[in-house]
N, C-alpha and C. Protein backbone atom coordinates (compact mmCIF):
# COMPACT_ATOMS: atom_id res chain seq x y z
N MET A 1 85.12 -14.01 -96.17
CA MET A 1 83.98 -14.12 -97.09
C MET A 1 84.52 -14.99 -97.51
N ARG A 2 85.81 -15.61 -98.15
CA ARG A 2 85.82 -16.81 -99.17
C ARG A 2 85.57 -18.12 -98.62
N TRP A 3 85.41 -18.04 -97.09
CA TRP A 3 84.94 -19.66 -96.96
C TRP A 3 83.26 -19.79 -96.37
N ALA A 4 82.86 -18.28 -96.19
CA ALA A 4 81.58 -18.51 -95.95
C ALA A 4 80.71 -18.64 -97.48
N THR A 5 81.52 -17.95 -98.36
CA THR A 5 80.88 -18.67 -100.06
C THR A 5 81.53 -20.41 -100.07
N LEU A 6 82.33 -20.32 -100.03
CA LEU A 6 82.77 -22.06 -99.94
C LEU A 6 81.83 -22.67 -98.88
N VAL A 7 81.41 -22.62 -97.68
CA VAL A 7 80.40 -23.53 -97.05
C VAL A 7 79.48 -23.45 -97.68
N LEU A 8 78.60 -22.08 -98.17
CA LEU A 8 77.60 -21.86 -98.79
C LEU A 8 77.48 -23.26 -99.74
N LEU A 9 77.85 -23.09 -100.69
CA LEU A 9 78.29 -23.84 -101.90
C LEU A 9 78.06 -25.23 -101.88
N LEU A 10 79.14 -25.97 -100.71
CA LEU A 10 79.06 -27.18 -100.51
C LEU A 10 77.86 -27.61 -99.91
N GLY A 11 76.86 -26.63 -98.85
CA GLY A 11 75.82 -26.49 -98.49
C GLY A 11 74.80 -27.12 -99.66
N PHE A 12 75.00 -26.33 -100.48
CA PHE A 12 74.08 -26.49 -101.43
C PHE A 12 73.97 -27.42 -102.58
N ALA A 13 75.39 -28.05 -102.54
CA ALA A 13 75.81 -29.08 -103.07
C ALA A 13 75.25 -30.50 -102.58
N ALA A 14 75.42 -30.05 -101.05
CA ALA A 14 74.60 -31.53 -100.74
C ALA A 14 73.11 -31.64 -100.39
N CYS A 15 72.49 -30.11 -100.62
CA CYS A 15 71.33 -30.56 -100.26
C CYS A 15 70.78 -31.16 -102.07
N ASN A 16 71.65 -31.07 -102.98
CA ASN A 16 71.14 -31.52 -104.21
C ASN A 16 71.43 -32.97 -104.48
N ASP A 17 72.51 -33.50 -103.95
CA ASP A 17 72.68 -34.71 -104.11
C ASP A 17 71.55 -35.56 -104.38
N VAL A 18 71.12 -36.00 -103.37
CA VAL A 18 69.98 -37.20 -103.57
C VAL A 18 69.02 -37.08 -105.20
N ARG A 19 68.68 -35.71 -105.36
CA ARG A 19 68.19 -35.76 -106.76
C ARG A 19 68.79 -36.26 -108.01
N ALA A 20 69.95 -37.15 -107.64
CA ALA A 20 70.56 -37.76 -108.56
C ALA A 20 69.54 -38.82 -108.28
N TYR A 21 69.34 -39.71 -107.59
CA TYR A 21 68.52 -40.55 -107.07
C TYR A 21 67.25 -40.83 -107.96
N GLU A 22 66.33 -39.53 -108.40
CA GLU A 22 65.15 -39.71 -109.31
C GLU A 22 65.88 -40.83 -110.17
N GLY A 23 64.71 -41.75 -111.07
CA GLY A 23 64.84 -42.70 -111.61
C GLY A 23 64.18 -43.55 -111.55
N THR A 24 64.11 -45.02 -112.67
CA THR A 24 63.61 -46.42 -111.85
C THR A 24 64.49 -47.01 -111.72
N TRP A 25 65.00 -47.89 -110.32
CA TRP A 25 65.46 -48.68 -109.32
C TRP A 25 64.78 -50.00 -109.48
N SER A 26 65.74 -51.38 -109.86
CA SER A 26 65.19 -52.69 -109.45
C SER A 26 66.26 -53.65 -108.63
N GLY A 27 65.38 -54.38 -108.32
CA GLY A 27 66.40 -55.65 -107.90
C GLY A 27 65.56 -56.50 -106.28
N LYS A 28 66.82 -57.61 -106.90
CA LYS A 28 65.45 -58.82 -106.11
C LYS A 28 66.13 -58.34 -104.51
N ARG A 29 65.22 -59.44 -103.67
CA ARG A 29 65.46 -59.65 -102.10
C ARG A 29 66.55 -60.21 -101.83
N VAL A 30 67.20 -59.67 -100.73
CA VAL A 30 68.32 -60.33 -100.58
C VAL A 30 68.03 -61.01 -98.98
N GLY A 31 69.07 -61.54 -98.92
CA GLY A 31 69.62 -62.01 -97.33
C GLY A 31 68.75 -63.86 -97.16
N ASP A 32 69.46 -64.43 -96.86
CA ASP A 32 69.06 -65.81 -96.69
C ASP A 32 68.24 -66.48 -95.43
N THR A 33 68.99 -66.02 -94.10
CA THR A 33 68.43 -66.05 -93.43
C THR A 33 66.69 -65.91 -93.42
N PRO A 34 65.89 -67.34 -92.59
CA PRO A 34 64.71 -67.03 -92.75
C PRO A 34 63.92 -65.59 -91.86
N VAL A 35 65.01 -64.84 -91.02
CA VAL A 35 64.17 -64.22 -90.31
C VAL A 35 64.12 -62.86 -91.13
N LEU A 36 65.11 -62.57 -92.21
CA LEU A 36 64.83 -61.85 -93.09
C LEU A 36 64.45 -61.98 -94.35
N ARG A 37 63.30 -62.91 -94.48
CA ARG A 37 62.38 -62.70 -95.47
C ARG A 37 60.93 -63.60 -94.78
N VAL A 38 60.37 -63.01 -93.94
CA VAL A 38 59.53 -63.15 -93.47
C VAL A 38 58.60 -62.92 -94.57
N GLY A 39 57.51 -63.58 -94.74
CA GLY A 39 55.86 -63.44 -95.93
C GLY A 39 57.07 -62.89 -96.91
N ILE A 40 57.22 -63.02 -97.53
CA ILE A 40 58.07 -62.24 -98.69
C ILE A 40 58.73 -63.90 -100.00
N ALA A 41 58.58 -63.85 -100.72
CA ALA A 41 58.42 -65.15 -101.66
C ALA A 41 60.48 -64.78 -101.57
N ALA A 42 60.89 -65.98 -101.75
CA ALA A 42 62.66 -65.92 -101.82
C ALA A 42 62.75 -65.17 -102.77
N ASP A 43 62.14 -65.20 -103.94
CA ASP A 43 62.76 -64.83 -105.19
C ASP A 43 62.16 -62.99 -105.66
N ALA A 44 61.19 -63.19 -104.56
CA ALA A 44 60.53 -61.97 -105.42
C ALA A 44 61.49 -60.56 -105.61
N ALA A 45 61.37 -59.65 -106.63
CA ALA A 45 61.87 -58.71 -106.68
C ALA A 45 60.95 -57.17 -106.64
N ALA A 46 62.04 -56.34 -106.43
CA ALA A 46 60.90 -55.05 -106.12
C ALA A 46 61.43 -53.62 -107.08
N THR A 47 60.57 -52.99 -107.59
CA THR A 47 61.10 -51.69 -108.61
C THR A 47 60.55 -50.48 -107.74
N LEU A 48 61.27 -49.39 -107.91
CA LEU A 48 61.50 -48.28 -106.77
C LEU A 48 61.53 -47.12 -108.32
N ALA A 49 60.38 -46.38 -108.82
CA ALA A 49 60.25 -45.67 -109.59
C ALA A 49 60.09 -43.87 -108.45
N ILE A 50 61.38 -43.28 -108.39
CA ILE A 50 61.69 -42.13 -107.68
C ILE A 50 60.99 -40.77 -108.69
N ASP A 51 60.04 -40.01 -108.28
CA ASP A 51 59.52 -39.06 -109.33
C ASP A 51 59.84 -37.80 -108.64
N GLY A 52 60.53 -37.70 -107.29
CA GLY A 52 60.67 -36.67 -107.10
C GLY A 52 61.51 -36.67 -105.73
N ILE A 53 62.47 -36.02 -105.37
CA ILE A 53 63.06 -36.31 -104.58
C ILE A 53 64.24 -34.90 -104.30
N ASP A 54 63.98 -35.07 -102.93
CA ASP A 54 65.31 -33.36 -102.19
C ASP A 54 65.44 -33.96 -100.39
N THR A 55 65.97 -33.18 -100.12
CA THR A 55 66.36 -33.90 -98.22
C THR A 55 65.37 -33.53 -97.60
N HIS A 56 64.06 -32.91 -98.20
CA HIS A 56 62.92 -32.61 -97.44
C HIS A 56 61.71 -33.86 -98.08
N GLY A 57 62.16 -35.12 -98.21
CA GLY A 57 61.27 -35.62 -98.78
C GLY A 57 61.43 -36.37 -100.02
N MET A 58 60.57 -37.28 -100.25
CA MET A 58 60.61 -38.10 -101.66
C MET A 58 59.19 -39.01 -101.65
N HIS A 59 58.97 -38.82 -103.32
CA HIS A 59 57.78 -39.91 -103.43
C HIS A 59 57.91 -40.23 -105.24
N GLY A 60 57.15 -41.25 -105.13
CA GLY A 60 57.51 -42.48 -106.14
C GLY A 60 56.04 -43.29 -106.38
N HIS A 61 56.72 -44.66 -106.69
CA HIS A 61 56.26 -45.83 -106.76
C HIS A 61 56.87 -47.01 -106.69
N LEU A 62 56.19 -48.14 -106.09
CA LEU A 62 57.21 -49.12 -105.46
C LEU A 62 56.14 -50.54 -105.66
N THR A 63 57.05 -51.48 -106.25
CA THR A 63 56.30 -52.65 -106.89
C THR A 63 57.24 -53.34 -106.43
N ILE A 64 56.31 -54.53 -105.18
CA ILE A 64 57.08 -55.96 -104.85
C ILE A 64 55.96 -56.97 -105.43
N ALA A 65 56.47 -57.54 -106.19
CA ALA A 65 56.07 -58.98 -106.72
C ALA A 65 55.27 -59.83 -105.77
N GLY A 66 53.61 -59.52 -105.93
CA GLY A 66 52.75 -60.56 -105.17
C GLY A 66 52.51 -60.00 -103.99
N LEU A 67 53.29 -58.72 -103.69
CA LEU A 67 52.78 -57.75 -102.34
C LEU A 67 52.31 -56.38 -102.32
N LEU A 68 52.82 -55.95 -103.33
CA LEU A 68 52.20 -53.99 -103.78
C LEU A 68 52.62 -53.89 -104.28
N ASP A 69 51.93 -52.82 -105.07
CA ASP A 69 52.51 -52.11 -106.15
C ASP A 69 51.51 -50.64 -105.79
N ALA A 70 51.54 -49.89 -105.06
CA ALA A 70 51.66 -48.48 -104.69
C ALA A 70 52.68 -46.96 -105.15
N ASP A 71 51.44 -46.18 -104.48
CA ASP A 71 52.58 -44.98 -104.93
C ASP A 71 53.31 -45.37 -103.21
N VAL A 72 54.51 -44.12 -103.20
CA VAL A 72 55.11 -43.89 -102.27
C VAL A 72 55.66 -42.65 -102.02
N ALA A 73 55.32 -42.52 -100.47
CA ALA A 73 55.87 -40.85 -99.92
C ALA A 73 55.91 -41.09 -98.48
N SER A 74 57.49 -40.28 -98.09
CA SER A 74 58.38 -40.04 -97.31
C SER A 74 56.96 -39.43 -96.28
N VAL A 75 57.25 -40.04 -95.13
CA VAL A 75 56.35 -39.20 -93.63
C VAL A 75 56.62 -38.04 -93.39
N ASP A 76 56.05 -37.33 -93.44
CA ASP A 76 55.89 -35.83 -93.54
C ASP A 76 56.94 -35.23 -92.18
N GLY A 77 55.94 -36.49 -90.81
CA GLY A 77 56.26 -36.32 -89.65
C GLY A 77 58.11 -36.42 -89.53
N ALA A 78 58.26 -37.68 -90.10
CA ALA A 78 59.88 -38.08 -89.68
C ALA A 78 60.67 -37.47 -90.24
N GLU A 79 60.38 -36.43 -91.73
CA GLU A 79 61.14 -35.54 -92.38
C GLU A 79 61.15 -34.60 -91.55
N ALA A 80 60.24 -33.96 -90.71
CA ALA A 80 60.65 -32.69 -89.91
C ALA A 80 60.66 -32.92 -88.52
N ASP A 81 61.76 -34.58 -88.05
CA ASP A 81 62.09 -35.05 -86.94
C ASP A 81 63.55 -35.09 -87.17
N VAL A 82 64.40 -35.88 -86.19
CA VAL A 82 65.13 -36.63 -86.05
C VAL A 82 65.17 -37.28 -86.58
N LEU A 83 64.37 -38.15 -87.02
CA LEU A 83 64.17 -39.32 -87.73
C LEU A 83 64.66 -39.06 -89.34
N SER A 84 64.69 -37.88 -90.03
CA SER A 84 65.54 -38.05 -91.00
C SER A 84 66.73 -37.72 -90.88
N GLY A 85 67.22 -37.70 -90.15
CA GLY A 85 69.00 -38.30 -90.11
C GLY A 85 69.15 -39.75 -89.34
N ILE A 86 68.21 -40.60 -89.31
CA ILE A 86 68.33 -41.87 -89.15
C ILE A 86 69.38 -42.96 -90.03
N THR A 87 70.06 -43.72 -89.20
CA THR A 87 71.47 -44.00 -90.10
C THR A 87 71.71 -45.48 -89.34
N PHE A 88 72.52 -46.21 -89.75
CA PHE A 88 72.26 -47.90 -89.45
C PHE A 88 73.82 -48.11 -90.47
N GLY A 89 74.30 -49.88 -89.86
CA GLY A 89 75.82 -50.49 -90.23
C GLY A 89 75.43 -49.70 -92.01
N GLY A 90 76.56 -49.68 -92.48
CA GLY A 90 76.31 -49.19 -94.13
C GLY A 90 76.83 -47.52 -94.37
N SER A 91 75.93 -46.81 -93.19
CA SER A 91 76.07 -45.66 -93.43
C SER A 91 75.77 -44.72 -94.40
N PRO A 92 74.12 -45.25 -94.65
CA PRO A 92 73.35 -44.51 -95.75
C PRO A 92 73.36 -43.23 -95.51
N GLN A 93 73.85 -42.83 -97.22
CA GLN A 93 73.82 -40.71 -97.32
C GLN A 93 72.58 -40.16 -96.78
N ARG A 94 71.34 -41.22 -96.68
CA ARG A 94 69.74 -40.46 -96.66
C ARG A 94 68.82 -41.95 -96.51
N VAL A 95 68.17 -41.35 -95.71
CA VAL A 95 67.03 -43.25 -95.11
C VAL A 95 65.42 -42.20 -95.10
N TYR A 96 64.47 -43.16 -95.82
CA TYR A 96 63.23 -42.18 -96.18
C TYR A 96 62.21 -43.33 -95.55
N LEU A 97 61.32 -42.76 -94.66
CA LEU A 97 60.53 -43.93 -94.29
C LEU A 97 59.14 -43.58 -94.81
N SER A 98 58.29 -44.50 -94.80
CA SER A 98 57.08 -44.48 -96.01
C SER A 98 56.01 -45.64 -95.34
N PHE A 99 54.77 -45.65 -95.38
CA PHE A 99 54.02 -46.43 -95.20
C PHE A 99 53.41 -46.88 -96.69
N VAL A 100 53.39 -48.19 -96.86
CA VAL A 100 52.55 -48.99 -98.27
C VAL A 100 51.51 -49.33 -98.12
N PRO A 101 51.01 -49.22 -98.85
CA PRO A 101 49.43 -50.28 -98.43
C PRO A 101 49.78 -51.59 -99.39
N THR A 102 49.56 -52.78 -98.57
CA THR A 102 49.82 -54.21 -99.15
C THR A 102 49.14 -55.49 -99.83
N SER A 103 48.66 -55.77 -100.50
CA SER A 103 47.63 -56.68 -101.25
C SER A 103 47.58 -57.93 -100.87
N ASP A 104 48.46 -58.27 -99.65
CA ASP A 104 48.12 -59.44 -98.99
C ASP A 104 47.10 -59.55 -97.75
N GLY A 105 46.45 -58.97 -97.46
CA GLY A 105 45.47 -58.47 -96.68
C GLY A 105 45.79 -58.03 -95.14
N GLY A 106 47.35 -57.91 -95.34
CA GLY A 106 47.33 -58.11 -93.81
C GLY A 106 47.68 -56.58 -93.83
N GLY A 107 47.75 -55.28 -94.17
CA GLY A 107 47.67 -54.26 -94.06
C GLY A 107 48.54 -53.25 -94.39
N ASP A 108 48.79 -52.12 -94.03
CA ASP A 108 50.15 -51.44 -94.31
C ASP A 108 51.34 -51.96 -93.97
N ALA A 109 52.47 -51.71 -94.88
CA ALA A 109 53.67 -51.82 -94.32
C ALA A 109 54.80 -50.97 -94.01
N LEU A 110 55.71 -50.64 -93.49
CA LEU A 110 56.87 -49.42 -93.69
C LEU A 110 57.62 -50.01 -94.62
N ALA A 111 58.20 -49.02 -95.49
CA ALA A 111 58.93 -49.11 -96.48
C ALA A 111 60.08 -48.11 -95.66
N VAL A 112 61.53 -48.75 -96.05
CA VAL A 112 62.87 -47.76 -95.51
C VAL A 112 63.61 -47.72 -96.59
N ILE A 113 63.84 -47.00 -97.22
CA ILE A 113 64.11 -46.62 -98.44
C ILE A 113 65.51 -45.86 -98.20
N ALA A 114 66.97 -46.60 -98.48
CA ALA A 114 68.08 -45.92 -97.89
C ALA A 114 68.69 -45.78 -99.24
N LEU A 115 69.41 -44.50 -99.67
CA LEU A 115 70.22 -44.30 -100.34
C LEU A 115 71.36 -44.09 -99.97
N TYR A 116 72.70 -44.88 -100.62
CA TYR A 116 74.17 -44.96 -100.43
C TYR A 116 74.75 -44.14 -101.44
N ASP A 117 75.79 -43.53 -101.01
CA ASP A 117 76.63 -42.88 -101.86
C ASP A 117 77.37 -43.52 -102.96
N ASP A 118 77.79 -45.27 -102.81
CA ASP A 118 77.71 -45.59 -104.12
C ASP A 118 76.88 -46.05 -105.09
N LYS A 119 75.50 -45.06 -104.88
CA LYS A 119 74.72 -45.31 -106.08
C LYS A 119 73.71 -46.34 -106.13
N ARG A 120 73.45 -46.64 -105.09
CA ARG A 120 72.22 -47.77 -104.63
C ARG A 120 71.78 -47.50 -103.80
N ILE A 121 70.49 -48.46 -103.78
CA ILE A 121 69.03 -48.01 -102.95
C ILE A 121 68.82 -49.63 -102.50
N GLU A 122 68.74 -49.62 -101.14
CA GLU A 122 67.98 -50.81 -100.25
C GLU A 122 66.12 -50.11 -99.69
N VAL A 123 65.51 -51.29 -99.70
CA VAL A 123 64.54 -51.18 -99.81
C VAL A 123 64.31 -52.13 -98.71
N ARG A 124 63.47 -51.47 -97.34
CA ARG A 124 63.72 -52.65 -96.28
C ARG A 124 61.87 -52.53 -96.07
N VAL A 125 61.17 -53.19 -96.45
CA VAL A 125 59.68 -53.54 -96.10
C VAL A 125 59.24 -54.70 -94.69
N LEU A 126 58.68 -53.82 -93.86
CA LEU A 126 58.07 -54.76 -92.85
C LEU A 126 56.94 -54.22 -92.29
N ARG A 127 56.62 -55.27 -91.05
CA ARG A 127 55.32 -54.80 -90.62
C ARG A 127 55.19 -56.11 -89.35
N GLY A 128 54.39 -55.39 -88.29
CA GLY A 128 54.52 -56.37 -87.24
C GLY A 128 52.97 -57.39 -87.10
N GLY A 129 52.75 -57.59 -86.34
CA GLY A 129 51.22 -58.19 -85.73
C GLY A 129 51.30 -60.01 -86.47
N SER A 130 49.89 -60.08 -86.61
CA SER A 130 49.48 -61.36 -87.15
C SER A 130 49.89 -61.69 -88.71
N GLN A 131 49.91 -61.17 -88.87
CA GLN A 131 51.13 -61.28 -90.65
C GLN A 131 52.25 -60.64 -90.57
N GLN A 132 52.87 -60.73 -90.04
CA GLN A 132 54.16 -60.19 -90.15
C GLN A 132 55.04 -60.29 -91.46
N LEU A 133 55.64 -58.49 -91.81
CA LEU A 133 56.53 -59.16 -93.13
C LEU A 133 58.14 -58.42 -92.53
N TYR A 134 59.04 -59.25 -93.36
CA TYR A 134 60.65 -58.97 -93.26
C TYR A 134 61.10 -58.48 -94.21
N GLY A 135 61.39 -58.24 -95.46
CA GLY A 135 62.56 -58.39 -96.65
C GLY A 135 63.20 -57.08 -96.97
N ILE A 136 64.33 -57.45 -97.50
CA ILE A 136 65.59 -56.49 -97.95
C ILE A 136 65.50 -56.61 -99.11
N PHE A 137 65.75 -55.89 -100.18
CA PHE A 137 65.21 -55.41 -101.82
C PHE A 137 67.19 -54.70 -101.87
N ALA A 138 68.16 -55.12 -102.84
CA ALA A 138 69.05 -54.31 -103.17
C ALA A 138 69.02 -54.08 -104.69
N LEU A 139 68.44 -52.52 -105.02
CA LEU A 139 68.47 -51.93 -106.02
C LEU A 139 69.48 -51.32 -106.56
N ALA A 140 69.32 -51.40 -108.01
CA ALA A 140 70.58 -50.70 -108.92
C ALA A 140 69.31 -49.34 -110.19
N GLN A 141 69.95 -48.62 -110.29
CA GLN A 141 69.10 -48.06 -111.16
C GLN A 141 69.14 -49.13 -112.65
N THR A 142 67.92 -49.15 -113.34
CA THR A 142 67.64 -49.53 -114.50
C THR A 142 67.33 -48.06 -115.64
């Protein structure tokens, strides 16, 4: 019975870990290789205000100077699919996918929002087609 209680408590704690990421995060674009900064100014900065977040989704507001200023919400389908467990190098704790409208006339972009255990967030913004975008932003809580 003790083990069951411990497992339940650990599971509950793991479900709430991401709530600590609520708040405002800001940072600059990173990556000097030209393929990592397609369509985004080299000195661009991003701000992500997370209004609500849990292991079933997140919502807030994302601003990238000269590119977008829009509400952001994770894609429900991705949250209900195996994509909710997506991971990559650096082993993010949790990754959220969202489509955000841009102001450059190229249409929506995919925002990949990755939370890391060491209390940092990386936002990747990408779009294909004739007006491609690719940029990485390293954010810290402000």
